[in-house]
């Protein structure tokens, strides 16, 4: 049995974007997109997030 001692994935720290409305909270909660965005503008690579401080929802373009 071979043990893999390379455990970099355990210490991976997730980074979140700051809220564009309150500038304090983080956009860490995904929210369902509207019908229009999901099925008509499917080619736009955007995700919808909710701020954990103010509760506002924002569309954020996915980074490459």
Protein backbone atom coordinates (compact mmCIF):
# COMPACT_ATOMS: atom_id res chain seq x y z
CA UNK A 1 0.00 0.00 0.00
CA UNK A 2 1.43 3.36 -1.07
CA UNK A 3 0.55 6.48 0.93
CA UNK A 4 0.32 9.81 -0.84
CA UNK A 5 1.80 12.37 1.57
CA UNK A 6 1.12 15.31 -0.76
CA UNK A 7 -1.99 16.79 0.86
CA UNK A 8 -2.03 20.33 -0.60
CA UNK A 9 -5.79 20.11 -1.24
CA UNK A 10 -6.46 20.04 2.52
CA UNK A 11 -4.93 23.48 3.09
CA UNK A 12 -6.64 25.08 0.09
CA UNK A 13 -8.19 28.38 1.24
CA UNK A 14 -11.28 29.49 -0.69
CA UNK A 15 -11.36 33.16 -1.70
CA UNK A 16 -14.58 35.05 -2.38
CA UNK A 17 -15.34 38.36 -4.06
CA UNK A 18 -16.43 41.37 -2.05
CA UNK A 19 -20.01 42.59 -2.34
CA UNK A 20 -20.34 45.47 -4.86
CA UNK A 21 -23.19 47.00 -2.80
CA UNK A 22 -21.91 47.13 0.80
CA UNK A 23 -18.16 46.50 0.16
CA UNK A 24 -17.99 44.54 3.44
CA UNK A 25 -19.57 41.15 2.86
CA UNK A 26 -18.46 38.30 0.69
CA UNK A 27 -20.34 36.71 -2.18
CA UNK A 28 -20.18 33.13 -1.00
CA UNK A 29 -23.73 31.81 -1.50
CA UNK A 30 -24.95 30.78 -4.96
CA UNK A 31 -28.54 31.72 -5.89
CA UNK A 32 -30.68 30.39 -8.75
CA UNK A 33 -30.59 32.47 -11.92
CA UNK A 34 -33.75 33.81 -13.55
CA UNK A 35 -35.36 32.07 -16.53
CA UNK A 36 -34.21 34.84 -18.89
CA UNK A 37 -30.57 34.60 -17.88
CA UNK A 38 -30.53 30.83 -17.69
CA UNK A 39 -32.20 29.98 -21.01
CA UNK A 40 -32.01 33.08 -23.22
CA UNK A 41 -28.60 34.44 -22.24
CA UNK A 42 -27.04 31.01 -21.68
CA UNK A 43 -23.94 32.08 -23.62
CA UNK A 44 -23.11 34.71 -20.98
CA UNK A 45 -20.85 33.15 -18.39
CA UNK A 46 -22.39 34.73 -15.28
CA UNK A 47 -23.29 33.32 -11.88
CA UNK A 48 -25.62 34.80 -9.27
CA UNK A 49 -24.43 35.19 -5.69
CA UNK A 50 -25.89 36.54 -2.45
CA UNK A 51 -23.92 38.70 -0.01
CA UNK A 52 -23.52 37.20 3.45
CA UNK A 53 -23.81 40.65 5.11
CA UNK A 54 -26.42 42.76 3.30
CA UNK A 55 -28.30 39.96 1.49
CA UNK A 56 -28.27 41.67 -1.93
CA UNK A 57 -27.96 39.43 -4.98
CA UNK A 58 -25.46 40.15 -7.73
CA UNK A 59 -24.52 38.65 -11.08
CA UNK A 60 -20.80 38.04 -11.33
CA UNK A 61 -18.90 37.10 -14.48
CA UNK A 62 -16.90 33.95 -13.98
CA UNK A 63 -13.14 34.40 -14.03
CA UNK A 64 -10.99 32.21 -16.23
